[in-house]
C-alpha atoms as a PDB file:
ATOM      1  CA  MET A   1     114.825 137.843  96.631  1.00  0.00           C
ATOM      2  CA  THR A   2     116.609 136.976  93.384  1.00  0.00           C
ATOM      3  CA  GLU A   3     120.132 137.696  94.565  1.00  0.00           C
ATOM      4  CA  VAL A   4     121.580 136.639  97.875  1.00  0.00           C
ATOM      5  CA  ARG A   5     125.088 136.143  99.148  1.00  0.00           C
ATOM      6  CA  LYS A   6     126.608 134.597 102.249  1.00  0.00           C
ATOM      7  CA  ALA A   7     127.797 136.872 105.030  1.00  0.00           C
ATOM      8  CA  GLY A   8     128.126 136.789 108.820  1.00  0.00           C
ATOM      9  CA  ALA A   9     125.644 134.977 110.992  1.00  0.00           C
ATOM     10  CA  TYR A  10     122.140 136.332 110.793  1.00  0.00           C
ATOM     11  CA  ALA A  11     121.607 138.420 113.928  1.00  0.00           C
ATOM     12  CA  GLY A  12     118.532 138.521 116.060  1.00  0.00           C
ATOM     13  CA  VAL A  13     117.205 134.963 115.710  1.00  0.00           C
ATOM     14  CA  LEU A  14     115.463 135.192 119.082  1.00  0.00           C
ATOM     15  CA  LEU A  15     114.287 138.497 120.546  1.00  0.00           C
ATOM     16  CA  LYS A  16     114.134 138.692 124.324  1.00  0.00           C
ATOM     17  CA  ALA A  17     110.980 140.152 125.834  1.00  0.00           C
ATOM     18  CA  ARG A  18     111.435 142.639 128.615  1.00  0.00           C
ATOM     19  CA  LEU A  19     108.861 144.156 130.934  1.00  0.00           C
ATOM     20  CA  PHE A  20     105.925 143.182 128.748  1.00  0.00           C
ATOM     21  CA  ALA A  21     106.383 139.510 129.657  1.00  0.00           C
ATOM     22  CA  ALA A  22     105.083 140.334 133.110  1.00  0.00           C
ATOM     23  CA  VAL A  23     102.006 141.974 131.586  1.00  0.00           C
ATOM     24  CA  VAL A  24     101.175 138.835 129.601  1.00  0.00           C
ATOM     25  CA  ALA A  25     101.715 136.629 132.635  1.00  0.00           C
ATOM     26  CA  ALA A  26      99.440 138.820 134.739  1.00  0.00           C
ATOM     27  CA  ALA A  27      96.663 139.246 132.154  1.00  0.00           C
ATOM     28  CA  PRO A  28      93.377 137.902 133.601  1.00  0.00           C
ATOM     29  CA  PHE A  29      92.508 135.508 130.800  1.00  0.00           C
ATOM     30  CA  ALA A  30      90.211 132.603 131.381  1.00  0.00           C
ATOM     31  CA  ALA A  31      92.124 129.457 132.177  1.00  0.00           C
ATOM     32  CA  ALA A  32      90.103 127.450 129.694  1.00  0.00           C
ATOM     33  CA  CYS A  33      87.498 127.866 126.957  1.00  0.00           C
ATOM     34  CA  PRO A  34      83.811 127.975 127.914  1.00  0.00           C
ATOM     35  CA  VAL A  35      82.398 124.500 128.414  1.00  0.00           C
ATOM     36  CA  HIS A  36      80.638 123.294 125.254  1.00  0.00           C
ATOM     37  CA  ALA A  37      80.283 119.915 123.631  1.00  0.00           C
ATOM     38  CA  GLN A  38      83.636 119.277 122.017  1.00  0.00           C
ATOM     39  CA  ALA A  39      83.881 117.443 118.719  1.00  0.00           C
ATOM     40  CA  ILE A  40      86.754 116.740 116.354  1.00  0.00           C
ATOM     41  CA  VAL A  41      85.924 118.274 112.988  1.00  0.00           C
ATOM     42  CA  ALA A  42      89.274 117.983 111.197  1.00  0.00           C
ATOM     43  CA  SER A  43      92.827 116.742 111.534  1.00  0.00           C
ATOM     44  CA  ILE A  44      96.176 117.374 109.894  1.00  0.00           C
ATOM     45  CA  ASN A  45      98.824 114.669 110.017  1.00  0.00           C
ATOM     46  CA  GLY A  46      96.763 113.036 112.772  1.00  0.00           C
ATOM     47  CA  ASP A  47      96.641 116.192 114.922  1.00  0.00           C
ATOM     48  CA  PRO A  48      92.960 116.849 115.761  1.00  0.00           C
ATOM     49  CA  ILE A  49      91.145 120.170 115.478  1.00  0.00           C
ATOM     50  CA  THR A  50      87.918 120.618 117.420  1.00  0.00           C
ATOM     51  CA  ASN A  51      84.901 122.860 117.024  1.00  0.00           C
ATOM     52  CA  ILE A  52      86.107 124.798 120.087  1.00  0.00           C
ATOM     53  CA  ASP A  53      89.499 125.364 118.435  1.00  0.00           C
ATOM     54  CA  ILE A  54      87.702 126.777 115.388  1.00  0.00           C
ATOM     55  CA  ASP A  55      85.417 129.013 117.447  1.00  0.00           C
ATOM     56  CA  GLN A  56      88.400 130.388 119.376  1.00  0.00           C
ATOM     57  CA  ARG A  57      90.432 130.934 116.216  1.00  0.00           C
ATOM     58  CA  MET A  58      87.600 132.850 114.532  1.00  0.00           C
ATOM     59  CA  LYS A  59      87.474 135.191 117.531  1.00  0.00           C
ATOM     60  CA  LEU A  60      91.251 135.613 117.442  1.00  0.00           C
ATOM     61  CA  LEU A  61      91.287 136.385 113.723  1.00  0.00           C
ATOM     62  CA  ARG A  62      88.613 139.052 114.163  1.00  0.00           C
ATOM     63  CA  VAL A  63      90.717 140.807 116.798  1.00  0.00           C
ATOM     64  CA  LEU A  64      93.746 140.623 114.488  1.00  0.00           C
ATOM     65  CA  ARG A  65      91.650 142.138 111.654  1.00  0.00           C
ATOM     66  CA  LYS A  66      92.053 139.077 109.449  1.00  0.00           C
ATOM     67  CA  PRO A  67      89.432 137.084 107.506  1.00  0.00           C
ATOM     68  CA  ALA A  68      87.512 135.162 110.175  1.00  0.00           C
ATOM     69  CA  THR A  69      85.291 132.709 108.327  1.00  0.00           C
ATOM     70  CA  ARG A  70      85.075 129.126 109.560  1.00  0.00           C
ATOM     71  CA  GLU A  71      87.208 127.925 106.652  1.00  0.00           C
ATOM     72  CA  ALA A  72      89.788 130.658 107.283  1.00  0.00           C
ATOM     73  CA  ALA A  73      89.967 129.575 110.917  1.00  0.00           C
ATOM     74  CA  ILE A  74      90.521 125.936 109.948  1.00  0.00           C
ATOM     75  CA  GLU A  75      93.279 126.900 107.510  1.00  0.00           C
ATOM     76  CA  SER A  76      94.887 129.092 110.174  1.00  0.00           C
ATOM     77  CA  LEU A  77      94.873 126.160 112.609  1.00  0.00           C
ATOM     78  CA  PHE A  78      96.349 123.866 109.946  1.00  0.00           C
ATOM     79  CA  ARG A  79      99.074 126.445 109.436  1.00  0.00           C
ATOM     80  CA  ASP A  80      99.807 126.555 113.176  1.00  0.00           C
ATOM     81  CA  ARG A  81     100.104 122.785 113.407  1.00  0.00           C
ATOM     82  CA  LEU A  82     102.474 122.615 110.450  1.00  0.00           C
ATOM     83  CA  GLN A  83     104.597 125.472 111.777  1.00  0.00           C
ATOM     84  CA  ILE A  84     104.954 124.177 115.318  1.00  0.00           C
ATOM     85  CA  HIS A  85     105.659 120.563 114.327  1.00  0.00           C
ATOM     86  CA  GLU A  86     108.288 121.602 111.769  1.00  0.00           C
ATOM     87  CA  ALA A  87     109.961 123.885 114.324  1.00  0.00           C
ATOM     88  CA  GLU A  88     109.962 121.121 116.932  1.00  0.00           C
ATOM     89  CA  LYS A  89     111.863 118.858 114.540  1.00  0.00           C
ATOM     90  CA  TYR A  90     114.755 121.306 114.829  1.00  0.00           C
ATOM     91  CA  GLY A  91     114.375 121.860 118.570  1.00  0.00           C
ATOM     92  CA  VAL A  92     112.875 125.348 118.262  1.00  0.00           C
ATOM     93  CA  ASN A  93     110.510 125.959 121.191  1.00  0.00           C
ATOM     94  CA  PRO A  94     110.002 129.635 122.125  1.00  0.00           C
ATOM     95  CA  ARG A  95     109.605 130.590 125.772  1.00  0.00           C
ATOM     96  CA  ASP A  96     106.752 132.721 127.096  1.00  0.00           C
ATOM     97  CA  ALA A  97     109.117 135.704 127.212  1.00  0.00           C
ATOM     98  CA  ASP A  98     109.797 135.322 123.492  1.00  0.00           C
ATOM     99  CA  ILE A  99     106.077 135.031 122.785  1.00  0.00           C
ATOM    100  CA  SER A 100     105.516 138.295 124.652  1.00  0.00           C
ATOM    101  CA  GLN A 101     107.890 140.025 122.245  1.00  0.00           C
ATOM    102  CA  GLN A 102     105.931 138.587 119.319  1.00  0.00           C
ATOM    103  CA  ILE A 103     102.735 140.058 120.791  1.00  0.00           C
ATOM    104  CA  VAL A 104     104.459 143.445 121.107  1.00  0.00           C
ATOM    105  CA  LYS A 105     105.494 143.235 117.446  1.00  0.00           C
ATOM    106  CA  THR A 106     101.964 142.356 116.323  1.00  0.00           C
ATOM    107  CA  ALA A 107     100.454 145.166 118.401  1.00  0.00           C
ATOM    108  CA  THR A 108     102.907 147.647 116.884  1.00  0.00           C
ATOM    109  CA  GLU A 109     101.999 146.538 113.362  1.00  0.00           C
ATOM    110  CA  MET A 110      98.325 147.140 114.265  1.00  0.00           C
ATOM    111  CA  ASN A 111      99.126 150.581 115.755  1.00  0.00           C
ATOM    112  CA  LEU A 112      98.009 149.360 119.182  1.00  0.00           C
ATOM    113  CA  GLN A 113      99.573 149.321 122.605  1.00  0.00           C
ATOM    114  CA  PRO A 114     100.383 145.711 123.625  1.00  0.00           C
ATOM    115  CA  GLN A 115      98.041 145.924 126.612  1.00  0.00           C
ATOM    116  CA  ALA A 116      95.258 147.135 124.313  1.00  0.00           C
ATOM    117  CA  LEU A 117      95.717 144.063 122.116  1.00  0.00           C
ATOM    118  CA  LEU A 118      95.592 141.776 125.148  1.00  0.00           C
ATOM    119  CA  SER A 119      92.466 143.528 126.386  1.00  0.00           C
ATOM    120  CA  ALA A 120      90.800 143.090 122.981  1.00  0.00           C
ATOM    121  CA  LEU A 121      91.616 139.374 122.990  1.00  0.00           C
ATOM    122  CA  GLN A 122      90.212 139.014 126.474  1.00  0.00           C
ATOM    123  CA  ALA A 123      87.036 140.943 125.592  1.00  0.00           C
ATOM    124  CA  ALA A 124      86.540 138.701 122.542  1.00  0.00           C
ATOM    125  CA  GLY A 125      86.666 135.606 124.744  1.00  0.00           C
ATOM    126  CA  VAL A 126      89.957 134.229 123.413  1.00  0.00           C
ATOM    127  CA  SER A 127      91.603 131.991 126.013  1.00  0.00           C
ATOM    128  CA  GLU A 128      95.226 132.485 127.018  1.00  0.00           C
ATOM    129  CA  ASP A 129      96.184 129.009 125.783  1.00  0.00           C
ATOM    130  CA  GLN A 130      94.647 129.719 122.400  1.00  0.00           C
ATOM    131  CA  PHE A 131      96.283 133.073 121.731  1.00  0.00           C
ATOM    132  CA  LYS A 132      99.668 131.891 123.041  1.00  0.00           C
ATOM    133  CA  SER A 133      99.460 128.849 120.773  1.00  0.00           C
ATOM    134  CA  TYR A 134      98.934 131.119 117.754  1.00  0.00           C
ATOM    135  CA  PHE A 135     101.840 133.431 118.551  1.00  0.00           C
ATOM    136  CA  ARG A 136     104.117 130.531 119.561  1.00  0.00           C
ATOM    137  CA  ALA A 137     103.608 128.783 116.219  1.00  0.00           C
ATOM    138  CA  ASN A 138     104.262 131.953 114.232  1.00  0.00           C
ATOM    139  CA  LEU A 139     107.376 132.826 116.210  1.00  0.00           C
ATOM    140  CA  ALA A 140     108.785 129.282 116.209  1.00  0.00           C
ATOM    141  CA  PHE A 141     108.493 128.965 112.438  1.00  0.00           C
ATOM    142  CA  THR A 142     109.921 132.452 111.855  1.00  0.00           C
ATOM    143  CA  VAL A 143     112.938 131.613 114.031  1.00  0.00           C
ATOM    144  CA  LEU A 144     113.394 128.343 112.147  1.00  0.00           C
ATOM    145  CA  VAL A 145     113.279 129.996 108.714  1.00  0.00           C
ATOM    146  CA  GLN A 146     115.711 132.686 109.881  1.00  0.00           C
ATOM    147  CA  ALA A 147     118.100 129.998 111.103  1.00  0.00           C
ATOM    148  CA  LEU A 148     117.819 128.095 107.819  1.00  0.00           C
ATOM    149  CA  ASN A 149     118.707 131.346 106.018  1.00  0.00           C
ATOM    150  CA  LYS A 150     121.675 132.026 108.294  1.00  0.00           C
ATOM    151  CA  GLY A 151     124.301 134.086 106.514  1.00  0.00           C
ATOM    152  CA  VAL A 152     122.009 135.296 103.734  1.00  0.00           C
ATOM    153  CA  GLU A 153     121.750 139.014 103.070  1.00  0.00           C
ATOM    154  CA  ALA A 154     120.729 141.357 100.282  1.00  0.00           C
ATOM    155  CA  SER A 155     123.377 141.964  97.637  1.00  0.00           C
ATOM    156  CA  GLU A 156     124.913 145.376  97.072  1.00  0.00           C
ATOM    157  CA  THR A 157     123.303 145.428  93.619  1.00  0.00           C
ATOM    158  CA  GLN A 158     119.845 144.996  95.130  1.00  0.00           C
ATOM    159  CA  VAL A 159     120.435 147.656  97.786  1.00  0.00           C
ATOM    160  CA  ARG A 160     121.748 150.122  95.209  1.00  0.00           C
ATOM    161  CA  ALA A 161     118.799 149.508  92.902  1.00  0.00           C
ATOM    162  CA  GLU A 162     116.270 150.004  95.713  1.00  0.00           C
ATOM    163  CA  LEU A 163     118.084 153.136  96.890  1.00  0.00           C
ATOM    164  CA  GLU A 164     117.852 154.614  93.405  1.00  0.00           C
ATOM    165  CA  LYS A 165     114.104 153.924  93.354  1.00  0.00           C
ATOM    166  CA  GLN A 166     113.796 155.986  96.537  1.00  0.00           C
ATOM    167  CA  GLY A 167     115.744 158.951  95.179  1.00  0.00           C
ATOM    168  CA  GLY A 168     119.378 158.045  95.749  1.00  0.00           C
ATOM    169  CA  LYS A 169     121.208 160.264  98.235  1.00  0.00           C
ATOM    170  CA  ALA A 170     118.036 162.319  98.721  1.00  0.00           C
ATOM    171  CA  ALA A 171     116.483 159.274 100.385  1.00  0.00           C
ATOM    172  CA  ALA A 172     118.932 159.525 103.295  1.00  0.00           C
ATOM    173  CA  GLY A 173     116.251 161.396 105.249  1.00  0.00           C
ATOM    174  CA  THR A 174     116.706 163.793 108.163  1.00  0.00           C
ATOM    175  CA  SER A 175     119.580 163.860 110.647  1.00  0.00           C
ATOM    176  CA  TYR A 176     118.857 164.636 114.311  1.00  0.00           C
ATOM    177  CA  THR A 177     121.389 165.523 116.984  1.00  0.00           C
ATOM    178  CA  VAL A 178     119.717 164.976 120.319  1.00  0.00           C
ATOM    179  CA  GLN A 179     120.526 164.868 124.028  1.00  0.00           C
ATOM    180  CA  GLN A 180     118.571 162.926 126.616  1.00  0.00           C
ATOM    181  CA  ILE A 181     117.831 164.378 130.046  1.00  0.00           C
ATOM    182  CA  ILE A 182     116.383 162.151 132.761  1.00  0.00           C
ATOM    183  CA  PHE A 183     114.820 163.141 136.078  1.00  0.00           C
ATOM    184  CA  THR A 184     115.328 159.963 138.090  1.00  0.00           C
ATOM    185  CA  LEU A 185     112.546 158.629 140.292  1.00  0.00           C
ATOM    186  CA  PRO A 186     113.002 156.625 143.509  1.00  0.00           C
ATOM    187  CA  ILE A 187     111.737 153.068 143.858  1.00  0.00           C
ATOM    188  CA  GLY A 188     108.143 153.126 145.064  1.00  0.00           C
ATOM    189  CA  THR A 189     107.478 156.613 143.724  1.00  0.00           C
ATOM    190  CA  THR A 190     104.278 158.070 145.171  1.00  0.00           C
ATOM    191  CA  PRO A 191     101.858 160.262 143.194  1.00  0.00           C
ATOM    192  CA  ALA A 192     103.061 163.266 145.218  1.00  0.00           C
ATOM    193  CA  ILE A 193     106.711 162.621 144.356  1.00  0.00           C
ATOM    194  CA  LEU A 194     105.841 162.084 140.696  1.00  0.00           C
ATOM    195  CA  ALA A 195     103.890 165.346 140.603  1.00  0.00           C
ATOM    196  CA  ALA A 196     106.781 167.234 142.215  1.00  0.00           C
ATOM    197  CA  ARG A 197     109.371 165.804 139.812  1.00  0.00           C
ATOM    198  CA  SER A 198     107.096 166.486 136.833  1.00  0.00           C
ATOM    199  CA  LYS A 199     106.864 170.117 137.928  1.00  0.00           C
ATOM    200  CA  GLU A 200     110.660 170.352 138.178  1.00  0.00           C
ATOM    201  CA  ALA A 201     111.021 168.829 134.699  1.00  0.00           C
ATOM    202  CA  GLU A 202     108.548 171.301 133.209  1.00  0.00           C
ATOM    203  CA  GLN A 203     110.363 174.182 134.882  1.00  0.00           C
ATOM    204  CA  LEU A 204     113.624 173.099 133.257  1.00  0.00           C
ATOM    205  CA  ARG A 205     111.858 172.665 129.940  1.00  0.00           C
ATOM    206  CA  SER A 206     110.525 176.220 130.023  1.00  0.00           C
ATOM    207  CA  ARG A 207     114.031 177.619 130.668  1.00  0.00           C
ATOM    208  CA  PHE A 208     115.861 175.326 128.238  1.00  0.00           C
ATOM    209  CA  THR A 209     116.666 177.274 125.037  1.00  0.00           C
ATOM    210  CA  ASP A 210     119.854 175.673 123.694  1.00  0.00           C
ATOM    211  CA  CYS A 211     121.716 172.436 124.297  1.00  0.00           C
ATOM    212  CA  LYS A 212     124.965 173.882 125.622  1.00  0.00           C
ATOM    213  CA  SER A 213     123.630 176.162 128.348  1.00  0.00           C
ATOM    214  CA  GLY A 214     120.576 173.971 128.933  1.00  0.00           C
ATOM    215  CA  ALA A 215     122.657 170.849 129.585  1.00  0.00           C
ATOM    216  CA  GLU A 216     124.887 172.796 131.991  1.00  0.00           C
ATOM    217  CA  MET A 217     121.797 174.033 133.830  1.00  0.00           C
ATOM    218  CA  ALA A 218     120.364 170.504 134.026  1.00  0.00           C
ATOM    219  CA  ARG A 219     123.597 169.170 135.522  1.00  0.00           C
ATOM    220  CA  THR A 220     123.211 171.521 138.511  1.00  0.00           C
ATOM    221  CA  LEU A 221     119.878 169.911 139.469  1.00  0.00           C
ATOM    222  CA  ASN A 222     119.544 167.073 141.956  1.00  0.00           C
ATOM    223  CA  ASP A 223     119.019 163.525 140.661  1.00  0.00           C
ATOM    224  CA  VAL A 224     119.151 164.536 137.006  1.00  0.00           C
ATOM    225  CA  THR A 225     121.138 162.594 134.404  1.00  0.00           C
ATOM    226  CA  VAL A 226     122.370 164.299 131.232  1.00  0.00           C
ATOM    227  CA  ARG A 227     123.393 161.913 128.476  1.00  0.00           C
ATOM    228  CA  ASP A 228     125.979 162.666 125.796  1.00  0.00           C
ATOM    229  CA  GLN A 229     124.738 164.045 122.504  1.00  0.00           C
ATOM    230  CA  LEU A 230     124.169 161.555 119.703  1.00  0.00           C
ATOM    231  CA  THR A 231     123.162 161.800 116.066  1.00  0.00           C
ATOM    232  CA  ARG A 232     120.615 159.558 114.405  1.00  0.00           C
ATOM    233  CA  SER A 233     118.919 159.558 111.012  1.00  0.00           C
ATOM    234  CA  SER A 234     115.152 159.453 110.603  1.00  0.00           C
ATOM    235  CA  HIS A 235     115.466 155.865 109.339  1.00  0.00           C
ATOM    236  CA  GLU A 236     116.842 154.781 112.717  1.00  0.00           C
ATOM    237  CA  LEU A 237     113.958 156.249 114.709  1.00  0.00           C
ATOM    238  CA  GLY A 238     110.387 155.122 115.266  1.00  0.00           C
ATOM    239  CA  GLU A 239     107.559 157.066 113.646  1.00  0.00           C
ATOM    240  CA  GLN A 240     106.240 158.511 116.917  1.00  0.00           C
ATOM    241  CA  LEU A 241     109.669 159.736 118.014  1.00  0.00           C
ATOM    242  CA  ARG A 242     110.340 161.263 114.586  1.00  0.00           C
ATOM    243  CA  GLN A 243     107.082 163.191 114.721  1.00  0.00           C
ATOM    244  CA  LEU A 244     107.848 164.376 118.247  1.00  0.00           C
ATOM    245  CA  LEU A 245     111.329 165.579 117.284  1.00  0.00           C
ATOM    246  CA  ASP A 246     109.958 167.329 114.180  1.00  0.00           C
ATOM    247  CA  LYS A 247     107.425 169.222 116.334  1.00  0.00           C
ATOM    248  CA  THR A 248     110.088 170.325 118.825  1.00  0.00           C
ATOM    249  CA  ALA A 249     111.990 173.518 118.050  1.00  0.00           C
ATOM    250  CA  ILE A 250     115.778 173.312 117.796  1.00  0.00           C
ATOM    251  CA  GLY A 251     117.312 173.984 121.205  1.00  0.00           C
ATOM    252  CA  ARG A 252     114.171 172.973 123.071  1.00  0.00           C
ATOM    253  CA  LEU A 253     113.060 169.902 125.033  1.00  0.00           C
ATOM    254  CA  THR A 254     110.306 167.413 124.290  1.00  0.00           C
ATOM    255  CA  PRO A 255     107.611 167.025 126.993  1.00  0.00           C
ATOM    256  CA  PRO A 256     108.621 164.768 129.911  1.00  0.00           C
ATOM    257  CA  GLN A 257     107.566 161.149 129.500  1.00  0.00           C
ATOM    258  CA  ARG A 258     107.765 158.478 132.164  1.00  0.00           C
ATOM    259  CA  SER A 259     109.962 155.450 131.512  1.00  0.00           C
ATOM    260  CA  THR A 260     111.716 152.783 133.539  1.00  0.00           C
ATOM    261  CA  SER A 261     114.584 155.272 134.042  1.00  0.00           C
ATOM    262  CA  GLY A 262     112.416 158.134 135.306  1.00  0.00           C
ATOM    263  CA  LEU A 263     110.991 161.207 133.576  1.00  0.00           C
ATOM    264  CA  GLU A 264     112.738 161.551 130.234  1.00  0.00           C
ATOM    265  CA  MET A 265     113.030 164.537 127.910  1.00  0.00           C
ATOM    266  CA  VAL A 266     114.976 164.854 124.666  1.00  0.00           C
ATOM    267  CA  ALA A 267     116.698 168.058 123.587  1.00  0.00           C
ATOM    268  CA  VAL A 268     116.771 168.697 119.837  1.00  0.00           C
ATOM    269  CA  CYS A 269     120.242 170.161 119.326  1.00  0.00           C
ATOM    270  CA  ALA A 270     120.313 170.086 115.517  1.00  0.00           C
ATOM    271  CA  ARG A 271     118.135 168.902 112.665  1.00  0.00           C
ATOM    272  CA  GLY A 272     118.750 168.838 108.912  1.00  0.00           C
ATOM    273  CA  PRO A 273     119.156 166.710 105.780  1.00  0.00           C
ATOM    274  CA  ALA A 274     121.202 163.579 106.436  1.00  0.00           C
ATOM    275  CA  LYS A 275     124.492 163.485 104.513  1.00  0.00           C
ATOM    276  CA  ASP A 276     125.298 159.842 105.199  1.00  0.00           C
ATOM    277  CA  ASP A 277     123.135 157.196 103.516  1.00  0.00           C
ATOM    278  CA  THR A 278     124.424 154.329 105.709  1.00  0.00           C
ATOM    279  CA  ALA A 279     121.242 154.156 107.775  1.00  0.00           C
ATOM    280  CA  ILE A 280     118.892 154.053 104.768  1.00  0.00           C
ATOM    281  CA  ARG A 281     121.084 151.431 103.102  1.00  0.00           C
ATOM    282  CA  GLN A 282     120.897 149.272 106.241  1.00  0.00           C
ATOM    283  CA  THR A 283     117.131 149.746 106.383  1.00  0.00           C
ATOM    284  CA  ILE A 284     116.770 148.714 102.736  1.00  0.00           C
ATOM    285  CA  ALA A 285     118.970 145.654 103.277  1.00  0.00           C
ATOM    286  CA  GLN A 286     116.899 144.610 106.295  1.00  0.00           C
ATOM    287  CA  LYS A 287     113.629 144.997 104.377  1.00  0.00           C
ATOM    288  CA  LEU A 288     114.951 142.990 101.434  1.00  0.00           C
ATOM    289  CA  LEU A 289     116.127 140.242 103.773  1.00  0.00           C
ATOM    290  CA  ALA A 290     112.796 140.231 105.628  1.00  0.00           C
ATOM    291  CA  ALA A 291     110.970 139.896 102.296  1.00  0.00           C
ATOM    292  CA  HIS A 292     113.229 137.005 101.302  1.00  0.00           C
ATOM    293  CA  ILE A 293     112.647 135.201 104.614  1.00  0.00           C
ATOM    294  CA  GLN A 294     108.887 135.754 104.334  1.00  0.00           C
ATOM    295  CA  GLU A 295     108.877 134.351 100.799  1.00  0.00           C
ATOM    296  CA  ASP A 296     111.016 131.378 101.814  1.00  0.00           C
ATOM    297  CA  GLY A 297     108.761 130.665 104.794  1.00  0.00           C
ATOM    298  CA  GLU A 298     105.651 130.668 102.617  1.00  0.00           C
ATOM    299  CA  ARG A 299     107.341 128.340 100.140  1.00  0.00           C
ATOM    300  CA  ARG A 300     108.281 125.909 102.909  1.00  0.00           C
ATOM    301  CA  LEU A 301     104.767 126.027 104.362  1.00  0.00           C
ATOM    302  CA  LYS A 302     103.235 125.304 100.968  1.00  0.00           C
ATOM    303  CA  GLU A 303     105.452 122.249 100.600  1.00  0.00           C
ATOM    304  CA  LEU A 304     104.434 121.041 104.066  1.00  0.00           C
ATOM    305  CA  ARG A 305     100.767 121.681 103.279  1.00  0.00           C
ATOM    306  CA  ASP A 306     100.993 119.800  99.975  1.00  0.00           C
ATOM    307  CA  ARG A 307     102.421 116.730 101.744  1.00  0.00           C
ATOM    308  CA  ALA A 308     100.077 116.847 104.743  1.00  0.00           C
ATOM    309  CA  VAL A 309      97.377 114.253 105.381  1.00  0.00           C
ATOM    310  CA  ILE A 310      94.202 116.268 105.976  1.00  0.00           C
ATOM    311  CA  VAL A 311      90.851 114.911 107.060  1.00  0.00           C
ATOM    312  CA  LYS A 312      87.707 117.022 107.375  1.00  0.00           C
ATOM    313  CA  SER A 313      84.414 115.749 108.690  1.00  0.00           C
ATOM    314  CA  THR A 314      81.316 116.587 106.706  1.00  0.00           C
ATOM    315  CA  PRO A 315      79.115 119.258 108.402  1.00  0.00           C
END
């Protein structure tokens, strides 16, 4: 990022994990690596790296679809050590809940469900300590670099230039006016209750033809919540939700999906070209800032790597 200016405090330094933290805690990973002869094969700033560390890291990198040679694994472990020690100097020490959110983010980037990523790590023989160490180091250093860049944001000139590259006002995307309808479920819902409520939701969906009359009809049903209408641009929605809304006819409901609130459906009340470019401008600013933080983090890591005392044993 060539231009930056100071603004309000950078938001979102630490993301809180929600339900997924329980999934990570409950995942049946081996408590320790398989028992093999352990030998120190390298060190960085006096911090040892063993052959077991390297074997585990190679397995982890394969799951993450990254280069997984022995040398790549060693460099990845060096990177972890540098990241975690630098973060600790500033008192940055992510909790398990924060690490869970980092796993969710990585899974999303790989187009996987978080549980699918955990299952792949388990199947590859990666221990819980090893994969948590990797994600902890990455998260800790990211949080540190964000904090060190507190108050930095993309300039208006940069945002305007990027917006023009994407087509100016035409890049504003699609505007959706939607209304959420939720069939609540009791605590300890049984399969029979879930089946009955799913049937009720589908019955409403088949009769729902416009948001005004459909919302009024939904309000007459027992244990059904009808949210207020809201408008969002395509840049504020996830890819899966955008595709679902695009496939749903105006005035109709999306299929019921289970959530922590119950069985949720979304009515598409209106859809058309977005007239306000605020959302796309915010998205561009966030991407420019993320690129700047990534670049700054790599620069800091290179400086740490250049100063590090590294010892490697000969094979």
